[in-house]
Structures are given as C-alpha cells and as structure tokens.
Amino acid sequence: MRATPIIRKEVADHLSSKRFPLLVALILLSGLATSYLGVQSILQGPMRETEQTLAFLRLLTGGGGSPTLSFAYFIGLFGPIVGIALSFDSINREMASGSMLKILSNPIYRDSVILGKIIAGLLIILLITFSSTGIVVGFNMLVAGFGPTIEGAFRIIYFAITSFLYISLWFSIGLLFSVLFRRTTTSALASIALWVFLSIFFYLIADVIAAEISGIRYYFPSPPITAIIAYYELRSAISRISPLTLYTEVANVLLNPEIRTTGLFYVYAPNLPSPQPLNLDMSMALAWPSFSALIAGFIIVLTFSILLFLRAEIRPSWA
C-alpha cells in the first residue's frame, strides 16, 4: 500500500503528541465519574433479575437518574473536540511550514498523502473510542458486581462503533476546514464554531422554524392537538440535521431496549400490548435510519475533503 509510510508517520505523530493523553483523559475521566455516580444510584435499592439485565446498560446512558450525566452524553458533547483536535491542522500546518511541498516533491502521490492522514486519524479515534469504552465498562463491572448479558455486550459494541463513527464525522469536518483554510487558527475556530452551532444554537433555530410552520403560537387560547403534533414532529425532523441528535438517538436505542421509537409519539400495535424490551435486531432496525445518516454525512464530508485537497494549489511558504 502506497500510503503505508504516511500512515506510520501520522500514527507516530499522534501518539507522541501532547494532545493525545489529554483527549483520552477528557473522554475517560468523564465516563468513569458518571459511571461511579450511576452505580451508586442503582445499588441503593434491591433489583429483580429482569431489572438487573437493563441496569448495566443504563449506566452508559444515565444510570444516576439524569440523562445529561452519562458516558453517552459526554461522548456526544466532547467527542467532536477529539475529532477536530486530530484533524484541524493536519493539512494547512504542513502547507504553511513547507513540509507538504517537500513530501510531494518525492515520488509520493497526493491521494496517498490524504488517505494516509485519514486512515491514521481513524485508527487513533478507534483506539480512543474502544479503549475508553472498554475501561468504563470494566469499571462498571468491578464496582457494580455484575456485567452485561451476551446481548448487552453486543449492544455496547455497537454503541462503541456508533461513537467511532460520530467522532470520525467531526474528524472529517476538521479535515475539510484544514484543506479550505490556510491558517490553522482559522480552521480551528471554524470547526469549533460549527460544533457549538450544531450542538447548542441549532436547536433554538429548529424550535423557531417548527413553531412558525406549524403556527402553534397563533392559536388562542390553546392550540389544537394537530398543531401540537405537527410542531413536535417538525422540530424533531429539523433537529436531525445536527449530528448530535443522530448520535443521541442511536445511542439511546442501542443502550435502552425499552425505547420503541425515536419519535415523540408511538401507538402500540395489536400484537404488542405491553412495552416489553426490544431484542437486538429490532433495536438495530429502529436505530438504522439515524445510523445511516451518520454514515452518509461522514462519507460526503470526507469525499469533499479529498477532492479539494487533490485540486488544491500547493505553493512554497514564501510564494
């Protein structure tokens, strides 16, 4: 493989950089802290065996009673920082220093350079994601005194794959800005600004758009049920543009078998009279639309990054 030397160099640079242990600590410490709080919460009272099978999975999505204090929540919040930190200066830093021109002056193709950087970054994300998830799950087993079932173990593995894909999406966004902008500070600020916008302010915009389209605020004294349903469905559909919403939906469905829909309204079918936990296949089918949207976003952004790099003009730093 022509990109193998580039992959080795980039992996070594990432592992030897000062940012690598900081990124691992950011994810790992937040996961261990929330897991400890969750374990203390579920051990306060007795549990039946059927409850125990679901309790371990809830430790990753808010076992302490608050869904905003969970391992999945902190990956959704801080995962973009990991992806952006690994890619925001991967291209423009070498262009500014002139090392990119020296690399390409050798018999090395451009596609080998960009593919080597992408594969190396994805390997580091894979290492961080699966190692952090494994350590947190092992810590939960040690403190709680019990572990997941075989199906629960597969749910955790699929959750780790989803986390890897979510962070990789933000890695591709940082890489895109690294190709677009010549200055590393500009690409970093653009990536962080997009992360803040899609993770915080976009939900406010989605709420305003849904309220205007459904006309819920024009009814007096109270809106009809049809307008309320339209408002919530529109807000939910618009918010799925944010990768955080897609990741949260997939993580919640995989780690909570009792969730039967990603929407706000659900009508039980005649053959499902009681809310029994879904099996793994049904949960994966329910999470697949959001999961496939993450895959599509990752491929599209990464393709744009590769095409822009292949067509970019690389000049000496003094030119």
Protein backbone atom coordinates (compact mmCIF):
# COMPACT_ATOMS: atom_id res chain seq x y z
CA MET A 1 0.00 0.00 0.00
CA ARG A 2 1.47 3.32 -1.12
CA ALA A 3 0.08 5.23 1.88
CA THR A 4 1.68 2.94 4.47
CA PRO A 5 4.68 5.23 5.22
CA ILE A 6 2.33 8.19 5.67
CA ILE A 7 0.11 6.15 7.99
CA ARG A 8 3.05 5.12 10.15
CA LYS A 9 4.33 8.68 10.36
CA GLU A 10 0.93 10.16 11.23
CA VAL A 11 0.13 7.50 13.84
CA ALA A 12 3.52 8.06 15.48
CA ASP A 13 2.96 11.82 15.47
CA HIS A 14 -0.47 11.47 17.06
CA LEU A 15 0.68 9.05 19.74
CA SER A 16 3.71 11.17 20.65
CA SER A 17 1.84 14.48 20.68
CA LYS A 18 0.82 16.21 23.89
CA ARG A 19 -2.82 16.38 22.83
CA PHE A 20 -3.30 12.59 22.71
CA PRO A 21 -3.26 11.92 26.50
CA LEU A 22 -5.42 14.99 27.04
CA LEU A 23 -8.03 13.72 24.59
CA VAL A 24 -8.06 10.28 26.19
CA ALA A 25 -8.37 11.78 29.66
CA LEU A 26 -11.23 14.03 28.53
CA ILE A 27 -13.37 11.07 27.48
CA LEU A 28 -12.18 8.56 30.05
CA LEU A 29 -12.43 10.64 33.22
CA SER A 30 -15.89 11.93 32.38
CA GLY A 31 -17.05 8.36 31.70
CA LEU A 32 -15.59 6.98 34.94
CA ALA A 33 -17.07 9.78 37.03
CA THR A 34 -20.58 9.42 35.64
CA SER A 35 -20.38 5.62 35.82
CA TYR A 36 -19.49 5.76 39.51
CA LEU A 37 -22.46 8.01 40.22
CA GLY A 38 -24.72 5.68 38.23
CA VAL A 39 -23.53 2.57 40.06
CA GLN A 40 -24.14 4.20 43.44
CA SER A 41 -27.64 5.10 42.34
CA ILE A 42 -28.71 1.66 41.14
CA LEU A 43 -27.23 -0.10 44.18
CA GLN A 44 -29.31 1.89 46.65
CA GLY A 45 -32.30 -0.42 46.34
CA PRO A 46 -32.93 -4.09 45.57
CA MET A 47 -33.32 -5.13 41.93
CA ARG A 48 -35.03 -8.05 40.32
CA GLU A 49 -33.10 -10.13 37.81
CA THR A 50 -35.05 -8.69 34.90
CA GLU A 51 -34.20 -5.17 36.06
CA GLN A 52 -30.55 -6.09 36.53
CA THR A 53 -30.20 -7.04 32.87
CA LEU A 54 -31.15 -3.50 31.84
CA ALA A 55 -29.49 -1.63 34.70
CA PHE A 56 -25.97 -2.19 33.40
CA LEU A 57 -26.83 -0.63 30.03
CA ARG A 58 -28.46 2.33 31.76
CA LEU A 59 -25.12 3.12 33.40
CA LEU A 60 -23.91 4.32 30.00
CA THR A 61 -26.98 6.47 29.31
CA GLY A 62 -27.74 7.98 32.70
CA GLY A 63 -27.91 5.41 35.46
CA GLY A 64 -27.79 8.17 38.03
CA GLY A 65 -31.26 9.36 37.09
CA SER A 66 -30.12 12.25 34.89
CA PRO A 67 -29.60 11.55 31.16
CA THR A 68 -27.32 14.61 30.98
CA LEU A 69 -24.78 12.89 33.26
CA SER A 70 -23.81 9.78 31.33
CA PHE A 71 -20.96 8.35 29.32
CA ALA A 72 -23.00 8.58 26.10
CA TYR A 73 -23.81 12.24 26.83
CA PHE A 74 -20.18 13.20 27.34
CA ILE A 75 -19.11 11.41 24.15
CA GLY A 76 -21.80 13.33 22.29
CA LEU A 77 -20.57 16.55 23.86
CA PHE A 78 -16.79 16.11 23.87
CA GLY A 79 -16.41 13.63 21.01
CA PRO A 80 -16.34 16.43 18.42
CA ILE A 81 -13.41 18.01 20.27
CA VAL A 82 -11.46 14.76 19.85
CA GLY A 83 -12.21 14.55 16.13
CA ILE A 84 -11.48 18.22 15.47
CA ALA A 85 -8.26 18.20 17.51
CA LEU A 86 -6.89 15.35 15.38
CA SER A 87 -7.57 16.99 12.02
CA PHE A 88 -7.94 20.78 12.13
CA ASP A 89 -4.22 21.34 11.36
CA SER A 90 -3.34 18.12 9.54
CA ILE A 91 -3.12 19.77 6.09
CA ASN A 92 -2.66 23.52 6.47
CA ARG A 93 0.07 23.14 9.11
CA GLU A 94 2.27 21.23 6.69
CA MET A 95 1.40 23.60 3.86
CA ALA A 96 2.40 26.61 5.97
CA SER A 97 5.68 25.03 7.08
CA GLY A 98 6.59 23.92 3.56
CA SER A 99 6.83 20.23 4.51
CA MET A 100 3.90 19.34 2.25
CA LEU A 101 5.83 20.64 -0.76
CA LYS A 102 8.86 18.59 0.26
CA ILE A 103 6.75 15.46 0.63
CA LEU A 104 5.14 15.87 -2.78
CA SER A 105 8.50 16.58 -4.42
CA ASN A 106 9.27 12.89 -3.77
CA PRO A 107 7.58 10.08 -5.74
CA ILE A 108 4.52 10.20 -3.46
CA TYR A 109 1.05 10.78 -4.86
CA ARG A 110 -1.38 13.25 -3.38
CA ASP A 111 -4.01 10.62 -2.81
CA SER A 112 -1.51 8.61 -0.77
CA VAL A 113 -0.86 11.62 1.46
CA ILE A 114 -4.51 12.41 2.16
CA LEU A 115 -5.51 8.75 2.55
CA GLY A 116 -2.59 8.15 4.91
CA LYS A 117 -3.68 11.05 7.11
CA ILE A 118 -7.29 9.89 7.08
CA ILE A 119 -6.50 6.27 7.94
CA ALA A 120 -4.07 7.30 10.68
CA GLY A 121 -6.65 9.64 12.23
CA LEU A 122 -9.35 6.99 12.11
CA LEU A 123 -7.03 4.46 13.76
CA ILE A 124 -6.38 6.89 16.62
CA ILE A 125 -10.12 7.55 17.00
CA LEU A 126 -10.73 3.80 17.00
CA LEU A 127 -8.12 3.37 19.72
CA ILE A 128 -9.54 6.16 21.89
CA THR A 129 -13.18 5.09 21.47
CA PHE A 130 -12.84 1.37 22.11
CA SER A 131 -10.24 1.67 24.84
CA SER A 132 -12.29 4.28 26.73
CA THR A 133 -15.49 2.26 26.34
CA GLY A 134 -13.75 -0.93 27.47
CA ILE A 135 -12.25 0.73 30.53
CA VAL A 136 -15.57 2.31 31.52
CA VAL A 137 -17.45 -0.97 31.07
CA GLY A 138 -14.81 -2.83 33.09
CA PHE A 139 -15.02 -0.21 35.83
CA ASN A 140 -18.80 -0.61 35.92
CA MET A 141 -18.48 -4.37 36.25
CA LEU A 142 -15.94 -4.01 39.05
CA VAL A 143 -17.97 -1.53 41.08
CA ALA A 144 -21.47 -2.89 40.39
CA GLY A 145 -20.52 -6.54 40.85
CA PHE A 146 -22.33 -7.75 37.73
CA GLY A 147 -21.92 -7.37 33.99
CA PRO A 148 -23.99 -7.28 30.83
CA THR A 149 -25.61 -10.25 29.17
CA ILE A 150 -24.37 -11.52 25.81
CA GLU A 151 -26.93 -9.36 24.02
CA GLY A 152 -25.98 -6.42 26.23
CA ALA A 153 -22.32 -6.90 25.30
CA PHE A 154 -23.21 -6.72 21.62
CA ARG A 155 -25.26 -3.58 22.28
CA ILE A 156 -22.20 -1.98 23.91
CA ILE A 157 -20.01 -2.98 20.95
CA TYR A 158 -22.46 -1.41 18.50
CA PHE A 159 -22.58 1.67 20.71
CA ALA A 160 -18.77 1.92 20.51
CA ILE A 161 -18.97 1.62 16.72
CA THR A 162 -21.54 4.43 16.66
CA SER A 163 -19.30 6.59 18.85
CA PHE A 164 -16.38 5.91 16.50
CA LEU A 165 -18.49 6.94 13.50
CA TYR A 166 -19.75 10.09 15.26
CA ILE A 167 -16.24 11.25 16.21
CA SER A 168 -14.99 10.33 12.71
CA LEU A 169 -17.65 12.60 11.22
CA TRP A 170 -16.24 15.53 13.16
CA PHE A 171 -12.74 14.41 12.18
CA SER A 172 -13.76 14.73 8.54
CA ILE A 173 -15.24 18.19 9.22
CA GLY A 174 -11.97 19.35 10.79
CA LEU A 175 -10.07 17.90 7.83
CA LEU A 176 -12.32 19.76 5.41
CA PHE A 177 -11.64 23.08 7.13
CA SER A 178 -7.94 22.25 7.23
CA VAL A 179 -7.99 21.97 3.44
CA LEU A 180 -10.17 25.04 2.93
CA PHE A 181 -8.25 27.47 5.16
CA ARG A 182 -4.55 28.19 5.04
CA ARG A 183 -4.26 29.18 8.71
CA THR A 184 -4.61 26.63 11.48
CA THR A 185 -6.29 29.12 13.80
CA THR A 186 -8.96 29.83 11.19
CA SER A 187 -9.71 26.15 10.63
CA ALA A 188 -9.83 25.52 14.39
CA LEU A 189 -12.21 28.42 15.01
CA ALA A 190 -14.43 27.42 12.09
CA SER A 191 -14.63 23.82 13.33
CA ILE A 192 -15.40 24.84 16.90
CA ALA A 193 -17.96 27.40 15.74
CA LEU A 194 -19.76 24.76 13.69
CA TRP A 195 -19.67 22.37 16.65
CA VAL A 196 -21.17 24.97 19.02
CA PHE A 197 -23.80 25.96 16.45
CA LEU A 198 -24.96 22.41 15.70
CA SER A 199 -24.81 21.30 19.35
CA ILE A 200 -26.48 24.29 21.03
CA PHE A 201 -27.91 27.08 18.89
CA PHE A 202 -29.30 24.89 16.13
CA TYR A 203 -31.97 23.51 18.46
CA LEU A 204 -33.20 27.04 19.13
CA ILE A 205 -33.45 27.66 15.39
CA ALA A 206 -35.26 24.35 14.88
CA ASP A 207 -37.76 25.32 17.58
CA VAL A 208 -38.48 28.69 15.95
CA ILE A 209 -38.87 27.19 12.47
CA ALA A 210 -41.18 24.43 13.71
CA ALA A 211 -43.29 26.92 15.65
CA GLU A 212 -43.69 29.20 12.62
CA ILE A 213 -44.50 26.42 10.15
CA SER A 214 -46.99 24.67 12.44
CA GLY A 215 -48.48 28.00 13.56
CA ILE A 216 -48.67 26.80 17.14
CA ARG A 217 -48.23 30.27 18.62
CA TYR A 218 -51.06 31.80 16.60
CA TYR A 219 -53.80 29.78 18.30
CA PHE A 220 -55.64 31.31 21.26
CA PRO A 221 -56.24 30.34 23.99
CA SER A 222 -54.64 26.93 23.27
CA PRO A 223 -53.55 25.23 20.04
CA PRO A 224 -55.33 22.08 18.81
CA ILE A 225 -53.70 18.69 19.17
CA THR A 226 -52.97 18.52 15.43
CA ALA A 227 -50.89 21.70 15.60
CA ILE A 228 -49.01 20.41 18.65
CA ILE A 229 -48.21 17.13 16.92
CA ALA A 230 -47.07 18.95 13.78
CA TYR A 231 -44.86 21.24 15.86
CA TYR A 232 -43.10 18.39 17.68
CA GLU A 233 -42.67 16.33 14.52
CA LEU A 234 -41.22 19.28 12.60
CA ARG A 235 -38.86 20.18 15.42
CA SER A 236 -37.68 16.59 15.68
CA ALA A 237 -37.14 16.32 11.91
CA ILE A 238 -35.20 19.59 11.67
CA SER A 239 -33.04 18.79 14.69
CA ARG A 240 -31.84 15.61 12.95
CA ILE A 241 -29.63 17.80 10.77
CA SER A 242 -27.36 18.01 13.82
CA PRO A 243 -25.01 15.02 14.22
CA LEU A 244 -25.56 15.19 17.98
CA THR A 245 -29.25 14.38 17.55
CA LEU A 246 -28.50 11.41 15.29
CA TYR A 247 -25.87 10.08 17.68
CA THR A 248 -28.11 10.50 20.73
CA GLU A 249 -30.95 8.64 19.03
CA VAL A 250 -28.75 5.69 18.06
CA ALA A 251 -27.04 5.52 21.47
CA ASN A 252 -30.32 5.64 23.38
CA VAL A 253 -31.96 2.98 21.22
CA LEU A 254 -28.98 0.61 21.45
CA LEU A 255 -28.42 1.03 25.18
CA ASN A 256 -32.06 1.11 26.27
CA PRO A 257 -34.09 -1.85 24.91
CA GLU A 258 -37.28 -0.31 26.31
CA ILE A 259 -37.19 2.52 23.76
CA ARG A 260 -39.56 1.61 20.95
CA THR A 261 -39.39 4.73 18.80
CA THR A 262 -37.08 7.64 18.01
CA GLY A 263 -40.07 9.95 17.63
CA LEU A 264 -42.24 11.57 20.25
CA PHE A 265 -45.43 9.62 19.63
CA TYR A 266 -46.00 5.89 19.49
CA VAL A 267 -49.11 3.75 19.02
CA TYR A 268 -48.83 0.15 20.18
CA ALA A 269 -49.61 -2.47 17.58
CA PRO A 270 -52.24 -5.10 18.41
CA ASN A 271 -49.58 -7.79 18.80
CA LEU A 272 -47.55 -5.62 21.18
CA PRO A 273 -49.94 -4.96 24.08
CA SER A 274 -47.21 -4.29 26.65
CA PRO A 275 -43.94 -2.34 26.40
CA GLN A 276 -41.62 -5.34 26.52
CA PRO A 277 -37.92 -4.67 25.83
CA LEU A 278 -36.94 -4.99 22.20
CA ASN A 279 -34.41 -7.56 21.10
CA LEU A 280 -31.15 -6.52 19.48
CA ASP A 281 -32.34 -6.94 15.89
CA MET A 282 -35.39 -4.73 16.44
CA SER A 283 -33.33 -2.07 18.21
CA MET A 284 -30.82 -2.05 15.35
CA ALA A 285 -33.62 -1.72 12.82
CA LEU A 286 -35.04 1.20 14.81
CA ALA A 287 -31.65 2.92 15.01
CA TRP A 288 -30.64 2.25 11.40
CA PRO A 289 -32.07 5.47 9.82
CA SER A 290 -30.09 7.70 12.17
CA PHE A 291 -27.03 5.46 11.92
CA SER A 292 -27.13 5.52 8.12
CA ALA A 293 -27.44 9.32 8.22
CA LEU A 294 -24.19 9.47 10.22
CA ILE A 295 -22.52 7.22 7.65
CA ALA A 296 -23.77 9.37 4.78
CA GLY A 297 -22.57 12.58 6.42
CA PHE A 298 -19.15 11.09 7.10
CA ILE A 299 -18.72 9.87 3.51
CA ILE A 300 -19.93 13.13 1.95
CA VAL A 301 -17.70 15.41 4.04
CA LEU A 302 -14.69 13.12 3.63
CA THR A 303 -15.20 12.98 -0.14
CA PHE A 304 -15.28 16.78 -0.37
CA SER A 305 -12.08 16.95 1.69
CA ILE A 306 -10.26 14.53 -0.60
CA LEU A 307 -11.42 16.24 -3.80
CA LEU A 308 -10.47 19.69 -2.54
CA PHE A 309 -7.02 18.50 -1.48
CA LEU A 310 -6.39 16.84 -4.85
CA ARG A 311 -7.26 20.09 -6.62
CA ALA A 312 -5.56 22.45 -4.15
CA GLU A 313 -2.66 24.63 -5.21
CA ILE A 314 0.40 23.93 -3.09
CA ARG A 315 2.94 26.73 -3.16
CA PRO A 316 6.13 27.38 -1.21
CA SER A 317 5.63 29.22 2.05
CA TRP A 318 7.44 32.28 0.68
CA ALA A 319 5.33 32.45 -2.50
